[in-house]
PDB file of N, CA and C in Angstrom:
ATOM      1  N   MET A   1       5.259  -3.923 -24.291  1.00  0.00           N
ATOM      2  CA  MET A   1       5.128  -3.408 -22.939  1.00  0.00           C
ATOM      3  C   MET A   1       3.660  -3.265 -22.551  1.00  0.00           C
ATOM      4  N   LEU A   2       2.829  -2.953 -23.509  1.00  0.00           N
ATOM      5  CA  LEU A   2       1.409  -2.799 -23.216  1.00  0.00           C
ATOM      6  C   LEU A   2       0.800  -4.119 -22.759  1.00  0.00           C
ATOM      7  N   LYS A   3       1.310  -5.220 -23.272  1.00  0.00           N
ATOM      8  CA  LYS A   3       0.812  -6.535 -22.887  1.00  0.00           C
ATOM      9  C   LYS A   3       1.025  -6.783 -21.391  1.00  0.00           C
ATOM     10  N   LYS A   4       2.177  -6.375 -20.881  1.00  0.00           N
ATOM     11  CA  LYS A   4       2.484  -6.564 -19.464  1.00  0.00           C
ATOM     12  C   LYS A   4       1.524  -5.748 -18.594  1.00  0.00           C
ATOM     13  N   GLN A   5       1.224  -4.526 -19.005  1.00  0.00           N
ATOM     14  CA  GLN A   5       0.294  -3.687 -18.251  1.00  0.00           C
ATOM     15  C   GLN A   5      -1.118  -4.267 -18.279  1.00  0.00           C
ATOM     16  N   GLU A   6      -1.521  -4.812 -19.424  1.00  0.00           N
ATOM     17  CA  GLU A   6      -2.845  -5.423 -19.518  1.00  0.00           C
ATOM     18  C   GLU A   6      -2.967  -6.618 -18.584  1.00  0.00           C
ATOM     19  N   LYS A   7      -1.916  -7.415 -18.479  1.00  0.00           N
ATOM     20  CA  LYS A   7      -1.933  -8.569 -17.579  1.00  0.00           C
ATOM     21  C   LYS A   7      -2.059  -8.119 -16.130  1.00  0.00           C
ATOM     22  N   ARG A   8      -1.329  -7.074 -15.760  1.00  0.00           N
ATOM     23  CA  ARG A   8      -1.402  -6.571 -14.392  1.00  0.00           C
ATOM     24  C   ARG A   8      -2.793  -6.027 -14.096  1.00  0.00           C
ATOM     25  N   GLN A   9      -3.394  -5.347 -15.063  1.00  0.00           N
ATOM     26  CA  GLN A   9      -4.731  -4.803 -14.859  1.00  0.00           C
ATOM     27  C   GLN A   9      -5.769  -5.909 -14.694  1.00  0.00           C
ATOM     28  N   ARG A  10      -5.600  -7.025 -15.410  1.00  0.00           N
ATOM     29  CA  ARG A  10      -6.517  -8.156 -15.243  1.00  0.00           C
ATOM     30  C   ARG A  10      -6.385  -8.750 -13.846  1.00  0.00           C
ATOM     31  N   ARG A  11      -5.135  -8.921 -13.392  1.00  0.00           N
ATOM     32  CA  ARG A  11      -4.919  -9.438 -12.039  1.00  0.00           C
ATOM     33  C   ARG A  11      -5.519  -8.490 -11.015  1.00  0.00           C
ATOM     34  N   GLN A  12      -5.360  -7.202 -11.249  1.00  0.00           N
ATOM     35  CA  GLN A  12      -5.874  -6.177 -10.344  1.00  0.00           C
ATOM     36  C   GLN A  12      -7.399  -6.271 -10.236  1.00  0.00           C
ATOM     37  N   ILE A  13      -8.076  -6.476 -11.336  1.00  0.00           N
ATOM     38  CA  ILE A  13      -9.535  -6.586 -11.335  1.00  0.00           C
ATOM     39  C   ILE A  13      -9.978  -7.804 -10.528  1.00  0.00           C
ATOM     40  N   HIS A  14      -9.294  -8.937 -10.709  1.00  0.00           N
ATOM     41  CA  HIS A  14      -9.651 -10.151  -9.973  1.00  0.00           C
ATOM     42  C   HIS A  14      -9.424  -9.975  -8.474  1.00  0.00           C
ATOM     43  N   ILE A  15      -8.344  -9.303  -8.112  1.00  0.00           N
ATOM     44  CA  ILE A  15      -8.045  -9.082  -6.695  1.00  0.00           C
ATOM     45  C   ILE A  15      -9.067  -8.134  -6.081  1.00  0.00           C
ATOM     46  N   ARG A  16      -9.378  -7.035  -6.771  1.00  0.00           N
ATOM     47  CA  ARG A  16     -10.306  -6.043  -6.228  1.00  0.00           C
ATOM     48  C   ARG A  16     -11.722  -6.590  -6.114  1.00  0.00           C
ATOM     49  N   ALA A  17     -12.065  -7.606  -6.925  1.00  0.00           N
ATOM     50  CA  ALA A  17     -13.387  -8.220  -6.809  1.00  0.00           C
ATOM     51  C   ALA A  17     -13.508  -8.993  -5.501  1.00  0.00           C
ATOM     52  N   LYS A  18     -12.393  -9.511  -5.000  1.00  0.00           N
ATOM     53  CA  LYS A  18     -12.408 -10.311  -3.776  1.00  0.00           C
ATOM     54  C   LYS A  18     -12.137  -9.477  -2.534  1.00  0.00           C
ATOM     55  N   VAL A  19     -11.327  -8.437  -2.659  1.00  0.00           N
ATOM     56  CA  VAL A  19     -10.887  -7.650  -1.507  1.00  0.00           C
ATOM     57  C   VAL A  19     -11.693  -6.358  -1.438  1.00  0.00           C
ATOM     58  N   LYS A  20     -12.438  -6.186  -0.354  1.00  0.00           N
ATOM     59  CA  LYS A  20     -13.218  -4.969  -0.144  1.00  0.00           C
ATOM     60  C   LYS A  20     -12.826  -4.351   1.187  1.00  0.00           C
ATOM     61  N   GLY A  21     -12.736  -3.053   1.217  1.00  0.00           N
ATOM     62  CA  GLY A  21     -12.396  -2.351   2.448  1.00  0.00           C
ATOM     63  C   GLY A  21     -13.604  -1.635   3.025  1.00  0.00           C
ATOM     64  N   THR A  22     -13.677  -1.601   4.340  1.00  0.00           N
ATOM     65  CA  THR A  22     -14.741  -0.872   5.026  1.00  0.00           C
ATOM     66  C   THR A  22     -14.100   0.203   5.892  1.00  0.00           C
ATOM     67  N   GLU A  23     -14.922   0.941   6.604  1.00  0.00           N
ATOM     68  CA  GLU A  23     -14.375   2.002   7.451  1.00  0.00           C
ATOM     69  C   GLU A  23     -13.590   1.418   8.619  1.00  0.00           C
ATOM     70  N   LYS A  24     -14.060   0.292   9.165  1.00  0.00           N
ATOM     71  CA  LYS A  24     -13.364  -0.340  10.284  1.00  0.00           C
ATOM     72  C   LYS A  24     -12.170  -1.170   9.826  1.00  0.00           C
ATOM     73  N   CYS A  25     -12.258  -1.721   8.628  1.00  0.00           N
ATOM     74  CA  CYS A  25     -11.180  -2.561   8.089  1.00  0.00           C
ATOM     75  C   CYS A  25     -10.901  -2.130   6.645  1.00  0.00           C
ATOM     76  N   PRO A  26     -10.167  -1.014   6.449  1.00  0.00           N
ATOM     77  CA  PRO A  26      -9.957  -0.488   5.101  1.00  0.00           C
ATOM     78  C   PRO A  26      -8.973  -1.324   4.283  1.00  0.00           C
ATOM     79  N   ARG A  27      -8.952  -1.040   2.989  1.00  0.00           N
ATOM     80  CA  ARG A  27      -8.078  -1.743   2.055  1.00  0.00           C
ATOM     81  C   ARG A  27      -6.791  -0.945   1.888  1.00  0.00           C
ATOM     82  N   LEU A  28      -5.646  -1.611   2.077  1.00  0.00           N
ATOM     83  CA  LEU A  28      -4.338  -0.989   1.848  1.00  0.00           C
ATOM     84  C   LEU A  28      -3.979  -1.214   0.387  1.00  0.00           C
ATOM     85  N   SER A  29      -4.099  -0.180  -0.420  1.00  0.00           N
ATOM     86  CA  SER A  29      -3.838  -0.252  -1.850  1.00  0.00           C
ATOM     87  C   SER A  29      -2.433   0.248  -2.141  1.00  0.00           C
ATOM     88  N   VAL A  30      -1.710  -0.471  -3.018  1.00  0.00           N
ATOM     89  CA  VAL A  30      -0.327  -0.142  -3.349  1.00  0.00           C
ATOM     90  C   VAL A  30      -0.225   0.155  -4.838  1.00  0.00           C
ATOM     91  N   PHE A  31       0.471   1.233  -5.176  1.00  0.00           N
ATOM     92  CA  PHE A  31       0.826   1.536  -6.565  1.00  0.00           C
ATOM     93  C   PHE A  31       2.307   1.840  -6.607  1.00  0.00           C
ATOM     94  N   ARG A  32       2.999   1.241  -7.559  1.00  0.00           N
ATOM     95  CA  ARG A  32       4.428   1.511  -7.684  1.00  0.00           C
ATOM     96  C   ARG A  32       4.748   1.923  -9.113  1.00  0.00           C
ATOM     97  N   SER A  33       5.564   2.951  -9.219  1.00  0.00           N
ATOM     98  CA  SER A  33       6.108   3.355 -10.508  1.00  0.00           C
ATOM     99  C   SER A  33       7.596   3.034 -10.476  1.00  0.00           C
ATOM    100  N   ASN A  34       8.316   3.404 -11.506  1.00  0.00           N
ATOM    101  CA  ASN A  34       9.751   3.124 -11.512  1.00  0.00           C
ATOM    102  C   ASN A  34      10.486   3.921 -10.446  1.00  0.00           C
ATOM    103  N   LYS A  35       9.997   5.117 -10.144  1.00  0.00           N
ATOM    104  CA  LYS A  35      10.708   6.000  -9.229  1.00  0.00           C
ATOM    105  C   LYS A  35      10.073   6.076  -7.844  1.00  0.00           C
ATOM    106  N   TYR A  36       8.749   6.084  -7.766  1.00  0.00           N
ATOM    107  CA  TYR A  36       8.046   6.284  -6.505  1.00  0.00           C
ATOM    108  C   TYR A  36       7.133   5.104  -6.190  1.00  0.00           C
ATOM    109  N   ILE A  37       6.671   5.068  -4.949  1.00  0.00           N
ATOM    110  CA  ILE A  37       5.678   4.080  -4.531  1.00  0.00           C
ATOM    111  C   ILE A  37       4.662   4.780  -3.635  1.00  0.00           C
ATOM    112  N   TYR A  38       3.397   4.448  -3.833  1.00  0.00           N
ATOM    113  CA  TYR A  38       2.306   5.086  -3.115  1.00  0.00           C
ATOM    114  C   TYR A  38       1.481   4.019  -2.406  1.00  0.00           C
ATOM    115  N   ALA A  39       1.009   4.331  -1.210  1.00  0.00           N
ATOM    116  CA  ALA A  39       0.132   3.432  -0.463  1.00  0.00           C
ATOM    117  C   ALA A  39      -0.972   4.262   0.167  1.00  0.00           C
ATOM    118  N   GLN A  40      -2.184   3.700   0.184  1.00  0.00           N
ATOM    119  CA  GLN A  40      -3.295   4.413   0.792  1.00  0.00           C
ATOM    120  C   GLN A  40      -4.295   3.427   1.379  1.00  0.00           C
ATOM    121  N   LEU A  41      -4.958   3.855   2.432  1.00  0.00           N
ATOM    122  CA  LEU A  41      -6.024   3.074   3.046  1.00  0.00           C
ATOM    123  C   LEU A  41      -7.347   3.612   2.524  1.00  0.00           C
ATOM    124  N   ILE A  42      -8.143   2.726   1.924  1.00  0.00           N
ATOM    125  CA  ILE A  42      -9.358   3.139   1.232  1.00  0.00           C
ATOM    126  C   ILE A  42     -10.576   2.471   1.858  1.00  0.00           C
ATOM    127  N   ASP A  43     -11.616   3.271   2.087  1.00  0.00           N
ATOM    128  CA  ASP A  43     -12.924   2.767   2.498  1.00  0.00           C
ATOM    129  C   ASP A  43     -13.748   2.624   1.224  1.00  0.00           C
ATOM    130  N   ASP A  44     -13.933   1.383   0.751  1.00  0.00           N
ATOM    131  CA  ASP A  44     -14.634   1.154  -0.512  1.00  0.00           C
ATOM    132  C   ASP A  44     -16.138   1.397  -0.411  1.00  0.00           C
ATOM    133  N   VAL A  45     -16.699   1.280   0.776  1.00  0.00           N
ATOM    134  CA  VAL A  45     -18.137   1.489   0.944  1.00  0.00           C
ATOM    135  C   VAL A  45     -18.490   2.950   0.660  1.00  0.00           C
ATOM    136  N   ASN A  46     -17.730   3.869   1.232  1.00  0.00           N
ATOM    137  CA  ASN A  46     -17.980   5.299   1.031  1.00  0.00           C
ATOM    138  C   ASN A  46     -17.140   5.891  -0.096  1.00  0.00           C
ATOM    139  N   GLY A  47     -16.166   5.140  -0.610  1.00  0.00           N
ATOM    140  CA  GLY A  47     -15.321   5.631  -1.697  1.00  0.00           C
ATOM    141  C   GLY A  47     -14.380   6.733  -1.272  1.00  0.00           C
ATOM    142  N   LYS A  48     -13.817   6.617  -0.057  1.00  0.00           N
ATOM    143  CA  LYS A  48     -12.936   7.663   0.458  1.00  0.00           C
ATOM    144  C   LYS A  48     -11.579   7.097   0.829  1.00  0.00           C
ATOM    145  N   THR A  49     -10.552   7.919   0.642  1.00  0.00           N
ATOM    146  CA  THR A  49      -9.213   7.586   1.108  1.00  0.00           C
ATOM    147  C   THR A  49      -9.079   8.089   2.537  1.00  0.00           C
ATOM    148  N   LEU A  50      -8.735   7.185   3.449  1.00  0.00           N
ATOM    149  CA  LEU A  50      -8.636   7.544   4.860  1.00  0.00           C
ATOM    150  C   LEU A  50      -7.242   8.041   5.217  1.00  0.00           C
ATOM    151  N   VAL A  51      -6.202   7.342   4.736  1.00  0.00           N
ATOM    152  CA  VAL A  51      -4.808   7.678   5.039  1.00  0.00           C
ATOM    153  C   VAL A  51      -3.984   7.383   3.796  1.00  0.00           C
ATOM    154  N   SER A  52      -2.967   8.210   3.535  1.00  0.00           N
ATOM    155  CA  SER A  52      -2.087   7.932   2.400  1.00  0.00           C
ATOM    156  C   SER A  52      -0.646   8.264   2.750  1.00  0.00           C
ATOM    157  N   ALA A  53       0.273   7.634   2.013  1.00  0.00           N
ATOM    158  CA  ALA A  53       1.702   7.894   2.190  1.00  0.00           C
ATOM    159  C   ALA A  53       2.411   7.578   0.878  1.00  0.00           C
ATOM    160  N   ASN A  54       3.518   8.290   0.624  1.00  0.00           N
ATOM    161  CA  ASN A  54       4.331   8.011  -0.559  1.00  0.00           C
ATOM    162  C   ASN A  54       5.776   8.376  -0.267  1.00  0.00           C
ATOM    163  N   ASN A  55       6.652   8.062  -1.208  1.00  0.00           N
ATOM    164  CA  ASN A  55       8.074   8.320  -0.973  1.00  0.00           C
ATOM    165  C   ASN A  55       8.580   9.529  -1.745  1.00  0.00           C
ATOM    166  N   VAL A  56       7.712  10.434  -2.124  1.00  0.00           N
ATOM    167  CA  VAL A  56       8.156  11.628  -2.833  1.00  0.00           C
ATOM    168  C   VAL A  56       9.033  12.479  -1.920  1.00  0.00           C
ATOM    169  N   LYS A  57       8.650  12.621  -0.651  1.00  0.00           N
ATOM    170  CA  LYS A  57       9.453  13.395   0.298  1.00  0.00           C
ATOM    171  C   LYS A  57      10.599  12.571   0.858  1.00  0.00           C
ATOM    172  N   ILE A  58      10.373  11.279   1.047  1.00  0.00           N
ATOM    173  CA  ILE A  58      11.427  10.398   1.559  1.00  0.00           C
ATOM    174  C   ILE A  58      12.532  10.250   0.524  1.00  0.00           C
ATOM    175  N   ASP A  59      12.197  10.457  -0.749  1.00  0.00           N
ATOM    176  CA  ASP A  59      13.149  10.271  -1.843  1.00  0.00           C
ATOM    177  C   ASP A  59      14.352  11.201  -1.721  1.00  0.00           C
ATOM    178  N   LYS A  60      14.211  12.283  -0.992  1.00  0.00           N
ATOM    179  CA  LYS A  60      15.317  13.233  -0.845  1.00  0.00           C
ATOM    180  C   LYS A  60      16.431  12.696   0.051  1.00  0.00           C
ATOM    181  N   LYS A  61      16.107  11.699   0.896  1.00  0.00           N
ATOM    182  CA  LYS A  61      17.114  11.141   1.796  1.00  0.00           C
ATOM    183  C   LYS A  61      18.122  10.319   1.006  1.00  0.00           C
ATOM    184  N   ASP A  62      19.387  10.512   1.313  1.00  0.00           N
ATOM    185  CA  ASP A  62      20.428   9.751   0.632  1.00  0.00           C
ATOM    186  C   ASP A  62      20.715   8.469   1.402  1.00  0.00           C
ATOM    187  N   GLY A  63      21.213   7.475   0.693  1.00  0.00           N
ATOM    188  CA  GLY A  63      21.653   6.246   1.337  1.00  0.00           C
ATOM    189  C   GLY A  63      20.567   5.204   1.518  1.00  0.00           C
ATOM    190  N   LEU A  64      19.347   5.468   1.083  1.00  0.00           N
ATOM    191  CA  LEU A  64      18.286   4.473   1.192  1.00  0.00           C
ATOM    192  C   LEU A  64      17.944   3.935  -0.187  1.00  0.00           C
ATOM    193  N   ASN A  65      17.830   2.611  -0.289  1.00  0.00           N
ATOM    194  CA  ASN A  65      17.391   2.054  -1.566  1.00  0.00           C
ATOM    195  C   ASN A  65      15.863   2.004  -1.594  1.00  0.00           C
ATOM    196  N   LYS A  66      15.292   1.546  -2.701  1.00  0.00           N
ATOM    197  CA  LYS A  66      13.841   1.592  -2.879  1.00  0.00           C
ATOM    198  C   LYS A  66      13.105   0.724  -1.863  1.00  0.00           C
ATOM    199  N   ILE A  67      13.678  -0.420  -1.512  1.00  0.00           N
ATOM    200  CA  ILE A  67      13.015  -1.320  -0.565  1.00  0.00           C
ATOM    201  C   ILE A  67      12.997  -0.708   0.831  1.00  0.00           C
ATOM    202  N   GLU A  68      14.090  -0.070   1.236  1.00  0.00           N
ATOM    203  CA  GLU A  68      14.131   0.582   2.549  1.00  0.00           C
ATOM    204  C   GLU A  68      13.143   1.746   2.608  1.00  0.00           C
ATOM    205  N   LYS A  69      13.022   2.489   1.502  1.00  0.00           N
ATOM    206  CA  LYS A  69      12.047   3.581   1.448  1.00  0.00           C
ATOM    207  C   LYS A  69      10.625   3.039   1.550  1.00  0.00           C
ATOM    208  N   ALA A  70      10.364   1.916   0.883  1.00  0.00           N
ATOM    209  CA  ALA A  70       9.034   1.312   0.930  1.00  0.00           C
ATOM    210  C   ALA A  70       8.692   0.868   2.347  1.00  0.00           C
ATOM    211  N   LYS A  71       9.685   0.345   3.059  1.00  0.00           N
ATOM    212  CA  LYS A  71       9.447  -0.074   4.444  1.00  0.00           C
ATOM    213  C   LYS A  71       9.119   1.137   5.318  1.00  0.00           C
ATOM    214  N   GLU A  72       9.803   2.254   5.073  1.00  0.00           N
ATOM    215  CA  GLU A  72       9.499   3.495   5.802  1.00  0.00           C
ATOM    216  C   GLU A  72       8.081   3.976   5.508  1.00  0.00           C
ATOM    217  N   ILE A  73       7.653   3.842   4.262  1.00  0.00           N
ATOM    218  CA  ILE A  73       6.299   4.242   3.889  1.00  0.00           C
ATOM    219  C   ILE A  73       5.279   3.400   4.643  1.00  0.00           C
ATOM    220  N   GLY A  74       5.528   2.091   4.719  1.00  0.00           N
ATOM    221  CA  GLY A  74       4.623   1.213   5.457  1.00  0.00           C
ATOM    222  C   GLY A  74       4.521   1.581   6.921  1.00  0.00           C
ATOM    223  N   SER A  75       5.661   1.889   7.536  1.00  0.00           N
ATOM    224  CA  SER A  75       5.625   2.242   8.959  1.00  0.00           C
ATOM    225  C   SER A  75       4.977   3.612   9.182  1.00  0.00           C
ATOM    226  N   SER A  76       5.219   4.578   8.281  1.00  0.00           N
ATOM    227  CA  SER A  76       4.578   5.891   8.437  1.00  0.00           C
ATOM    228  C   SER A  76       3.072   5.794   8.190  1.00  0.00           C
ATOM    229  N   LEU A  77       2.668   4.944   7.251  1.00  0.00           N
ATOM    230  CA  LEU A  77       1.246   4.725   7.004  1.00  0.00           C
ATOM    231  C   LEU A  77       0.586   4.091   8.225  1.00  0.00           C
ATOM    232  N   ALA A  78       1.278   3.144   8.854  1.00  0.00           N
ATOM    233  CA  ALA A  78       0.748   2.495  10.059  1.00  0.00           C
ATOM    234  C   ALA A  78       0.588   3.508  11.188  1.00  0.00           C
ATOM    235  N   LYS A  79       1.561   4.398  11.318  1.00  0.00           N
ATOM    236  CA  LYS A  79       1.487   5.419  12.375  1.00  0.00           C
ATOM    237  C   LYS A  79       0.287   6.337  12.154  1.00  0.00           C
ATOM    238  N   LYS A  80       0.084   6.773  10.910  1.00  0.00           N
ATOM    239  CA  LYS A  80      -1.064   7.635  10.599  1.00  0.00           C
ATOM    240  C   LYS A  80      -2.382   6.897  10.828  1.00  0.00           C
ATOM    241  N   ALA A  81      -2.411   5.609  10.469  1.00  0.00           N
ATOM    242  CA  ALA A  81      -3.634   4.821  10.630  1.00  0.00           C
ATOM    243  C   ALA A  81      -3.977   4.637  12.101  1.00  0.00           C
ATOM    244  N   ILE A  82      -2.974   4.362  12.921  1.00  0.00           N
ATOM    245  CA  ILE A  82      -3.215   4.179  14.350  1.00  0.00           C
ATOM    246  C   ILE A  82      -3.675   5.490  14.983  1.00  0.00           C
ATOM    247  N   ASP A  83      -3.157   6.623  14.496  1.00  0.00           N
ATOM    248  CA  ASP A  83      -3.639   7.925  14.973  1.00  0.00           C
ATOM    249  C   ASP A  83      -5.123   8.120  14.645  1.00  0.00           C
ATOM    250  N   ASN A  84      -5.575   7.526  13.523  1.00  0.00           N
ATOM    251  CA  ASN A  84      -6.989   7.595  13.130  1.00  0.00           C
ATOM    252  C   ASN A  84      -7.803   6.423  13.676  1.00  0.00           C
ATOM    253  N   LYS A  85      -7.230   5.672  14.626  1.00  0.00           N
ATOM    254  CA  LYS A  85      -7.884   4.542  15.295  1.00  0.00           C
ATOM    255  C   LYS A  85      -8.216   3.407  14.331  1.00  0.00           C
ATOM    256  N   ILE A  86      -7.311   3.141  13.395  1.00  0.00           N
ATOM    257  CA  ILE A  86      -7.440   2.006  12.482  1.00  0.00           C
ATOM    258  C   ILE A  86      -6.320   1.030  12.816  1.00  0.00           C
ATOM    259  N   THR A  87      -6.686  -0.209  13.146  1.00  0.00           N
ATOM    260  CA  THR A  87      -5.663  -1.202  13.484  1.00  0.00           C
ATOM    261  C   THR A  87      -5.727  -2.426  12.585  1.00  0.00           C
ATOM    262  N   LYS A  88      -6.875  -2.695  11.987  1.00  0.00           N
ATOM    263  CA  LYS A  88      -7.041  -3.883  11.152  1.00  0.00           C
ATOM    264  C   LYS A  88      -7.284  -3.454   9.711  1.00  0.00           C
ATOM    265  N   ILE A  89      -6.551  -4.073   8.771  1.00  0.00           N
ATOM    266  CA  ILE A  89      -6.678  -3.707   7.360  1.00  0.00           C
ATOM    267  C   ILE A  89      -6.718  -4.958   6.490  1.00  0.00           C
ATOM    268  N   VAL A  90      -7.047  -4.749   5.209  1.00  0.00           N
ATOM    269  CA  VAL A  90      -6.993  -5.792   4.189  1.00  0.00           C
ATOM    270  C   VAL A  90      -5.966  -5.339   3.163  1.00  0.00           C
ATOM    271  N   PHE A  91      -5.046  -6.229   2.773  1.00  0.00           N
ATOM    272  CA  PHE A  91      -3.959  -5.847   1.873  1.00  0.00           C
ATOM    273  C   PHE A  91      -4.342  -6.097   0.423  1.00  0.00           C
ATOM    274  N   ASP A  92      -4.173  -5.076  -0.419  1.00  0.00           N
ATOM    275  CA  ASP A  92      -4.420  -5.164  -1.859  1.00  0.00           C
ATOM    276  C   ASP A  92      -3.104  -4.872  -2.559  1.00  0.00           C
ATOM    277  N   ARG A  93      -2.496  -5.899  -3.123  1.00  0.00           N
ATOM    278  CA  ARG A  93      -1.179  -5.736  -3.737  1.00  0.00           C
ATOM    279  C   ARG A  93      -1.248  -5.100  -5.120  1.00  0.00           C
ATOM    280  N   GLY A  94      -2.435  -4.850  -5.620  1.00  0.00           N
ATOM    281  CA  GLY A  94      -2.607  -4.116  -6.861  1.00  0.00           C
ATOM    282  C   GLY A  94      -2.144  -4.840  -8.107  1.00  0.00           C
ATOM    283  N   GLY A  95      -2.159  -6.165  -8.099  1.00  0.00           N
ATOM    284  CA  GLY A  95      -1.737  -6.930  -9.263  1.00  0.00           C
ATOM    285  C   GLY A  95      -0.250  -7.180  -9.331  1.00  0.00           C
ATOM    286  N   TYR A  96       0.504  -6.647  -8.380  1.00  0.00           N
ATOM    287  CA  TYR A  96       1.948  -6.865  -8.348  1.00  0.00           C
ATOM    288  C   TYR A  96       2.256  -8.137  -7.562  1.00  0.00           C
ATOM    289  N   LYS A  97       3.435  -8.708  -7.787  1.00  0.00           N
ATOM    290  CA  LYS A  97       3.867  -9.854  -6.999  1.00  0.00           C
ATOM    291  C   LYS A  97       4.130  -9.405  -5.571  1.00  0.00           C
ATOM    292  N   TYR A  98       3.887 -10.305  -4.621  1.00  0.00           N
ATOM    293  CA  TYR A  98       4.186 -10.003  -3.220  1.00  0.00           C
ATOM    294  C   TYR A  98       5.679 -10.231  -3.027  1.00  0.00           C
ATOM    295  N   HIS A  99       6.462  -9.252  -3.455  1.00  0.00           N
ATOM    296  CA  HIS A  99       7.916  -9.368  -3.463  1.00  0.00           C
ATOM    297  C   HIS A  99       8.501  -7.965  -3.549  1.00  0.00           C
ATOM    298  N   GLY A 100       9.663  -7.771  -2.995  1.00  0.00           N
ATOM    299  CA  GLY A 100      10.370  -6.503  -3.132  1.00  0.00           C
ATOM    300  C   GLY A 100       9.694  -5.364  -2.401  1.00  0.00           C
ATOM    301  N   ARG A 101       9.395  -4.284  -3.147  1.00  0.00           N
ATOM    302  CA  ARG A 101       8.838  -3.078  -2.534  1.00  0.00           C
ATOM    303  C   ARG A 101       7.434  -3.288  -1.981  1.00  0.00           C
ATOM    304  N   VAL A 102       6.632  -4.101  -2.662  1.00  0.00           N
ATOM    305  CA  VAL A 102       5.272  -4.371  -2.190  1.00  0.00           C
ATOM    306  C   VAL A 102       5.326  -5.128  -0.867  1.00  0.00           C
ATOM    307  N   LYS A 103       6.208  -6.107  -0.783  1.00  0.00           N
ATOM    308  CA  LYS A 103       6.382  -6.875   0.453  1.00  0.00           C
ATOM    309  C   LYS A 103       6.928  -5.982   1.566  1.00  0.00           C
ATOM    310  N   ALA A 104       7.828  -5.057   1.226  1.00  0.00           N
ATOM    311  CA  ALA A 104       8.416  -4.161   2.221  1.00  0.00           C
ATOM    312  C   ALA A 104       7.362  -3.237   2.825  1.00  0.00           C
ATOM    313  N   ILE A 105       6.418  -2.760   2.018  1.00  0.00           N
ATOM    314  CA  ILE A 105       5.335  -1.929   2.554  1.00  0.00           C
ATOM    315  C   ILE A 105       4.513  -2.730   3.552  1.00  0.00           C
ATOM    316  N   ALA A 106       4.186  -3.966   3.200  1.00  0.00           N
ATOM    317  CA  ALA A 106       3.390  -4.811   4.095  1.00  0.00           C
ATOM    318  C   ALA A 106       4.136  -5.083   5.397  1.00  0.00           C
ATOM    319  N   GLU A 107       5.426  -5.374   5.306  1.00  0.00           N
ATOM    320  CA  GLU A 107       6.218  -5.645   6.510  1.00  0.00           C
ATOM    321  C   GLU A 107       6.327  -4.401   7.391  1.00  0.00           C
ATOM    322  N   GLY A 108       6.535  -3.244   6.768  1.00  0.00           N
ATOM    323  CA  GLY A 108       6.608  -1.998   7.527  1.00  0.00           C
ATOM    324  C   GLY A 108       5.296  -1.683   8.232  1.00  0.00           C
ATOM    325  N   ALA A 109       4.178  -1.959   7.557  1.00  0.00           N
ATOM    326  CA  ALA A 109       2.870  -1.723   8.169  1.00  0.00           C
ATOM    327  C   ALA A 109       2.639  -2.680   9.337  1.00  0.00           C
ATOM    328  N   ARG A 110       3.066  -3.927   9.176  1.00  0.00           N
ATOM    329  CA  ARG A 110       2.921  -4.898  10.274  1.00  0.00           C
ATOM    330  C   ARG A 110       3.771  -4.496  11.467  1.00  0.00           C
ATOM    331  N   GLU A 111       5.008  -4.080  11.198  1.00  0.00           N
ATOM    332  CA  GLU A 111       5.891  -3.648  12.283  1.00  0.00           C
ATOM    333  C   GLU A 111       5.355  -2.390  12.966  1.00  0.00           C
ATOM    334  N   GLY A 112       4.636  -1.560  12.210  1.00  0.00           N
ATOM    335  CA  GLY A 112       4.049  -0.346  12.772  1.00  0.00           C
ATOM    336  C   GLY A 112       2.824  -0.603  13.632  1.00  0.00           C
ATOM    337  N   GLY A 113       2.285  -1.834  13.590  1.00  0.00           N
ATOM    338  CA  GLY A 113       1.168  -2.168  14.462  1.00  0.00           C
ATOM    339  C   GLY A 113      -0.136  -2.499  13.764  1.00  0.00           C
ATOM    340  N   LEU A 114      -0.152  -2.521  12.434  1.00  0.00           N
ATOM    341  CA  LEU A 114      -1.377  -2.885  11.724  1.00  0.00           C
ATOM    342  C   LEU A 114      -1.490  -4.400  11.617  1.00  0.00           C
ATOM    343  N   LYS A 115      -2.726  -4.888  11.659  1.00  0.00           N
ATOM    344  CA  LYS A 115      -2.979  -6.321  11.545  1.00  0.00           C
ATOM    345  C   LYS A 115      -3.672  -6.596  10.220  1.00  0.00           C
ATOM    346  N   PHE A 116      -3.183  -7.610   9.509  1.00  0.00           N
ATOM    347  CA  PHE A 116      -3.752  -7.984   8.213  1.00  0.00           C
ATOM    348  C   PHE A 116      -4.698  -9.148   8.405  1.00  0.00           C
TER     349      PHE A 116
END
């Protein structure tokens, strides 16, 4: 299992070397565990998190699967970002495949009004 994590961390390093976020165009960083998923908009120049969202509170809702919860996280993150006058972002998939929950966050953010 450690081998799989090492591979993801290598992919993550290569992606983060290419993708940089600024205050006007922050980086949408995604982390997923088995139970929860977290997303945050990061300004890499100043090293600050501008907006964040997760499914810890959404997890209490019944009848939603993980992908539907991830889509809700993306749309709530987009709403918070637009309130902070952020409309353009750079997507950082964090070494994960662009599939499933990671893809759902991106789609929810796009539907919420963010531009990649």
